[in-house]
Amino acid sequence: MVPLPHVQPNCNRKSTQLLHFFYYSSLIAFIASIHRLHEPSSYREVVCDPLWQNAIVEELIALHQTHTWDLVQLPPRKRPIGSR
């Protein structure tokens, strides 16, 4: 939640009401923008959407930069574990 900006004590009531109006208007706009987002239900939808492709790249970069995991060679005669 975005905090309200500091209001000077000598502000009149009308300017405070205007400040609250702008705060709640932007909050409503933010909620409306989230509501319009569509989460893909398949891999095919993801690869066709540049927004999701960018999100995947950003996530992989973040995982690499934080050393969450390292890519290593699979030991001989071992198979990787699948995931879904």
N, C-alpha and C. Protein backbone atom coordinates (compact mmCIF):
# COMPACT_ATOMS: atom_id res chain seq x y z
N MET A 1 0.84 -1.17 0.00
CA MET A 1 0.00 0.00 0.00
C MET A 1 0.89 1.23 0.00
N VAL A 2 0.55 2.21 -0.81
CA VAL A 2 1.34 3.42 -0.94
C VAL A 2 0.97 4.36 0.18
N PRO A 3 1.96 4.87 0.96
CA PRO A 3 1.62 5.79 2.04
C PRO A 3 1.19 7.14 1.49
N LEU A 4 0.31 7.81 2.24
CA LEU A 4 -0.10 9.15 1.85
C LEU A 4 1.06 10.11 2.06
N PRO A 5 1.23 11.08 1.16
CA PRO A 5 2.27 12.08 1.37
C PRO A 5 1.98 12.89 2.63
N HIS A 6 3.04 13.44 3.21
CA HIS A 6 2.89 14.24 4.42
C HIS A 6 2.06 15.48 4.13
N VAL A 7 1.05 15.73 4.94
CA VAL A 7 0.18 16.90 4.77
C VAL A 7 0.51 17.90 5.86
N GLN A 8 0.74 19.14 5.46
CA GLN A 8 1.03 20.19 6.42
C GLN A 8 -0.18 20.43 7.32
N PRO A 9 0.02 20.69 8.62
CA PRO A 9 -1.11 20.88 9.53
C PRO A 9 -2.00 22.06 9.17
N ASN A 10 -1.46 23.07 8.47
CA ASN A 10 -2.26 24.25 8.16
C ASN A 10 -3.02 24.12 6.84
N CYS A 11 -3.04 22.92 6.24
CA CYS A 11 -3.79 22.72 5.00
C CYS A 11 -5.27 22.79 5.30
N ASN A 12 -6.01 23.35 4.37
CA ASN A 12 -7.46 23.39 4.59
C ASN A 12 -8.08 22.05 4.25
N ARG A 13 -9.32 21.87 4.61
CA ARG A 13 -10.01 20.60 4.44
C ARG A 13 -10.15 20.22 2.97
N LYS A 14 -10.38 21.20 2.09
CA LYS A 14 -10.59 20.91 0.69
C LYS A 14 -9.33 20.31 0.06
N SER A 15 -8.15 20.83 0.38
CA SER A 15 -6.92 20.29 -0.21
C SER A 15 -6.65 18.89 0.31
N THR A 16 -6.98 18.61 1.56
CA THR A 16 -6.81 17.26 2.13
C THR A 16 -7.76 16.29 1.43
N GLN A 17 -8.98 16.73 1.17
CA GLN A 17 -9.93 15.87 0.46
C GLN A 17 -9.45 15.59 -0.95
N LEU A 18 -8.86 16.59 -1.60
CA LEU A 18 -8.33 16.42 -2.95
C LEU A 18 -7.18 15.41 -2.94
N LEU A 19 -6.33 15.50 -1.94
CA LEU A 19 -5.21 14.57 -1.81
C LEU A 19 -5.72 13.14 -1.66
N HIS A 20 -6.73 12.95 -0.82
CA HIS A 20 -7.31 11.62 -0.64
C HIS A 20 -7.95 11.13 -1.93
N PHE A 21 -8.60 12.02 -2.68
CA PHE A 21 -9.21 11.64 -3.95
C PHE A 21 -8.15 11.11 -4.91
N PHE A 22 -7.02 11.81 -5.04
CA PHE A 22 -5.96 11.37 -5.94
C PHE A 22 -5.36 10.05 -5.48
N TYR A 23 -5.19 9.89 -4.17
CA TYR A 23 -4.65 8.64 -3.63
C TYR A 23 -5.56 7.47 -3.98
N TYR A 24 -6.85 7.59 -3.70
CA TYR A 24 -7.77 6.49 -3.95
C TYR A 24 -8.00 6.27 -5.44
N SER A 25 -7.94 7.34 -6.25
CA SER A 25 -8.08 7.18 -7.69
C SER A 25 -6.93 6.34 -8.24
N SER A 26 -5.71 6.61 -7.79
CA SER A 26 -4.57 5.83 -8.28
C SER A 26 -4.61 4.41 -7.75
N LEU A 27 -5.11 4.22 -6.54
CA LEU A 27 -5.26 2.87 -5.99
C LEU A 27 -6.27 2.07 -6.81
N ILE A 28 -7.38 2.68 -7.17
CA ILE A 28 -8.39 2.01 -7.98
C ILE A 28 -7.83 1.68 -9.37
N ALA A 29 -7.07 2.60 -9.95
CA ALA A 29 -6.46 2.35 -11.26
C ALA A 29 -5.49 1.18 -11.19
N PHE A 30 -4.72 1.09 -10.10
CA PHE A 30 -3.77 -0.01 -9.92
C PHE A 30 -4.51 -1.34 -9.82
N ILE A 31 -5.55 -1.39 -9.03
CA ILE A 31 -6.32 -2.63 -8.86
C ILE A 31 -6.96 -3.03 -10.19
N ALA A 32 -7.46 -2.06 -10.94
CA ALA A 32 -8.06 -2.36 -12.24
C ALA A 32 -7.02 -2.92 -13.20
N SER A 33 -5.80 -2.40 -13.17
CA SER A 33 -4.76 -2.91 -14.08
C SER A 33 -4.37 -4.33 -13.72
N ILE A 34 -4.34 -4.66 -12.44
CA ILE A 34 -4.03 -6.03 -12.02
C ILE A 34 -5.16 -6.97 -12.45
N HIS A 35 -6.38 -6.51 -12.32
CA HIS A 35 -7.53 -7.35 -12.66
C HIS A 35 -7.54 -7.72 -14.15
N ARG A 36 -6.99 -6.84 -14.99
CA ARG A 36 -6.98 -7.10 -16.43
C ARG A 36 -5.91 -8.09 -16.84
N LEU A 37 -4.95 -8.36 -15.98
CA LEU A 37 -3.88 -9.30 -16.34
C LEU A 37 -4.44 -10.70 -16.54
N HIS A 38 -3.92 -11.37 -17.53
CA HIS A 38 -4.33 -12.74 -17.81
C HIS A 38 -3.14 -13.65 -17.56
N GLU A 39 -3.31 -14.61 -16.70
CA GLU A 39 -2.24 -15.57 -16.45
C GLU A 39 -2.39 -16.73 -17.41
N PRO A 40 -1.34 -17.02 -18.19
CA PRO A 40 -1.43 -18.10 -19.17
C PRO A 40 -1.66 -19.44 -18.50
N SER A 41 -2.36 -20.31 -19.21
CA SER A 41 -2.64 -21.64 -18.67
C SER A 41 -1.82 -22.72 -19.37
N SER A 42 -1.00 -22.33 -20.35
CA SER A 42 -0.19 -23.33 -21.04
C SER A 42 1.15 -22.70 -21.46
N TYR A 43 2.09 -23.57 -21.74
CA TYR A 43 3.40 -23.11 -22.21
C TYR A 43 3.27 -22.40 -23.55
N ARG A 44 2.40 -22.89 -24.39
CA ARG A 44 2.20 -22.27 -25.70
C ARG A 44 1.77 -20.80 -25.57
N GLU A 45 0.87 -20.52 -24.61
CA GLU A 45 0.47 -19.13 -24.39
C GLU A 45 1.64 -18.27 -23.93
N VAL A 46 2.49 -18.83 -23.10
CA VAL A 46 3.64 -18.09 -22.58
C VAL A 46 4.61 -17.73 -23.69
N VAL A 47 4.96 -18.68 -24.53
CA VAL A 47 5.96 -18.41 -25.57
C VAL A 47 5.44 -17.47 -26.65
N CYS A 48 4.14 -17.26 -26.72
CA CYS A 48 3.58 -16.34 -27.71
C CYS A 48 3.42 -14.92 -27.16
N ASP A 49 3.69 -14.72 -25.88
CA ASP A 49 3.48 -13.42 -25.26
C ASP A 49 4.82 -12.80 -24.86
N PRO A 50 5.23 -11.70 -25.51
CA PRO A 50 6.52 -11.08 -25.20
C PRO A 50 6.62 -10.61 -23.74
N LEU A 51 5.51 -10.23 -23.12
CA LEU A 51 5.53 -9.80 -21.73
C LEU A 51 5.96 -10.94 -20.82
N TRP A 52 5.41 -12.14 -21.06
CA TRP A 52 5.77 -13.30 -20.25
C TRP A 52 7.18 -13.77 -20.57
N GLN A 53 7.59 -13.67 -21.83
CA GLN A 53 8.96 -14.05 -22.19
C GLN A 53 9.96 -13.17 -21.42
N ASN A 54 9.66 -11.89 -21.34
CA ASN A 54 10.52 -10.97 -20.61
C ASN A 54 10.55 -11.31 -19.12
N ALA A 55 9.40 -11.68 -18.56
CA ALA A 55 9.33 -12.06 -17.15
C ALA A 55 10.18 -13.29 -16.87
N ILE A 56 10.17 -14.25 -17.79
CA ILE A 56 10.98 -15.47 -17.63
C ILE A 56 12.47 -15.11 -17.63
N VAL A 57 12.87 -14.28 -18.57
CA VAL A 57 14.28 -13.89 -18.66
C VAL A 57 14.72 -13.16 -17.39
N GLU A 58 13.89 -12.23 -16.91
CA GLU A 58 14.22 -11.50 -15.68
C GLU A 58 14.35 -12.44 -14.49
N GLU A 59 13.45 -13.41 -14.40
CA GLU A 59 13.50 -14.36 -13.28
C GLU A 59 14.77 -15.22 -13.34
N LEU A 60 15.12 -15.69 -14.54
CA LEU A 60 16.33 -16.49 -14.68
C LEU A 60 17.59 -15.69 -14.35
N ILE A 61 17.61 -14.42 -14.76
CA ILE A 61 18.75 -13.56 -14.42
C ILE A 61 18.85 -13.37 -12.92
N ALA A 62 17.72 -13.14 -12.26
CA ALA A 62 17.72 -12.96 -10.80
C ALA A 62 18.19 -14.22 -10.09
N LEU A 63 17.73 -15.39 -10.54
CA LEU A 63 18.18 -16.65 -9.93
C LEU A 63 19.67 -16.85 -10.12
N HIS A 64 20.19 -16.49 -11.28
CA HIS A 64 21.62 -16.63 -11.55
C HIS A 64 22.44 -15.65 -10.68
N GLN A 65 21.98 -14.41 -10.57
CA GLN A 65 22.72 -13.40 -9.81
C GLN A 65 22.74 -13.71 -8.32
N THR A 66 21.71 -14.35 -7.80
CA THR A 66 21.66 -14.68 -6.37
C THR A 66 22.24 -16.06 -6.08
N HIS A 67 22.77 -16.69 -7.12
CA HIS A 67 23.39 -18.03 -6.98
C HIS A 67 22.42 -19.02 -6.33
N THR A 68 21.16 -18.96 -6.77
CA THR A 68 20.14 -19.88 -6.25
C THR A 68 20.47 -21.32 -6.61
N TRP A 69 21.01 -21.52 -7.78
CA TRP A 69 21.43 -22.85 -8.23
C TRP A 69 22.56 -22.70 -9.23
N ASP A 70 23.26 -23.77 -9.45
CA ASP A 70 24.34 -23.79 -10.43
C ASP A 70 24.08 -24.91 -11.43
N LEU A 71 24.40 -24.67 -12.70
CA LEU A 71 24.30 -25.72 -13.70
C LEU A 71 25.56 -26.56 -13.63
N VAL A 72 25.39 -27.86 -13.53
CA VAL A 72 26.53 -28.77 -13.45
C VAL A 72 26.30 -29.92 -14.42
N GLN A 73 27.35 -30.64 -14.70
CA GLN A 73 27.25 -31.83 -15.56
C GLN A 73 26.55 -32.95 -14.79
N LEU A 74 25.70 -33.67 -15.49
CA LEU A 74 25.02 -34.81 -14.90
C LEU A 74 26.03 -35.95 -14.78
N PRO A 75 26.08 -36.63 -13.63
CA PRO A 75 27.01 -37.75 -13.49
C PRO A 75 26.72 -38.84 -14.53
N PRO A 76 27.73 -39.61 -14.89
CA PRO A 76 27.54 -40.68 -15.87
C PRO A 76 26.44 -41.66 -15.44
N ARG A 77 25.68 -42.13 -16.40
CA ARG A 77 24.61 -43.12 -16.21
C ARG A 77 23.49 -42.63 -15.27
N LYS A 78 23.32 -41.32 -15.13
CA LYS A 78 22.23 -40.76 -14.31
C LYS A 78 21.28 -39.99 -15.21
N ARG A 79 20.01 -40.03 -14.86
CA ARG A 79 19.00 -39.30 -15.63
C ARG A 79 18.47 -38.14 -14.79
N PRO A 80 18.18 -37.02 -15.44
CA PRO A 80 17.65 -35.88 -14.68
C PRO A 80 16.23 -36.16 -14.17
N ILE A 81 15.89 -35.50 -13.09
CA ILE A 81 14.55 -35.62 -12.52
C ILE A 81 13.65 -34.64 -13.26
N GLY A 82 12.51 -35.09 -13.69
CA GLY A 82 11.56 -34.22 -14.37
C GLY A 82 10.82 -33.33 -13.39
N SER A 83 10.20 -32.29 -13.89
CA SER A 83 9.39 -31.42 -13.05
C SER A 83 8.22 -30.89 -13.86
N ARG A 84 7.23 -30.40 -13.16
CA ARG A 84 6.04 -29.82 -13.81
C ARG A 84 5.69 -28.54 -13.15
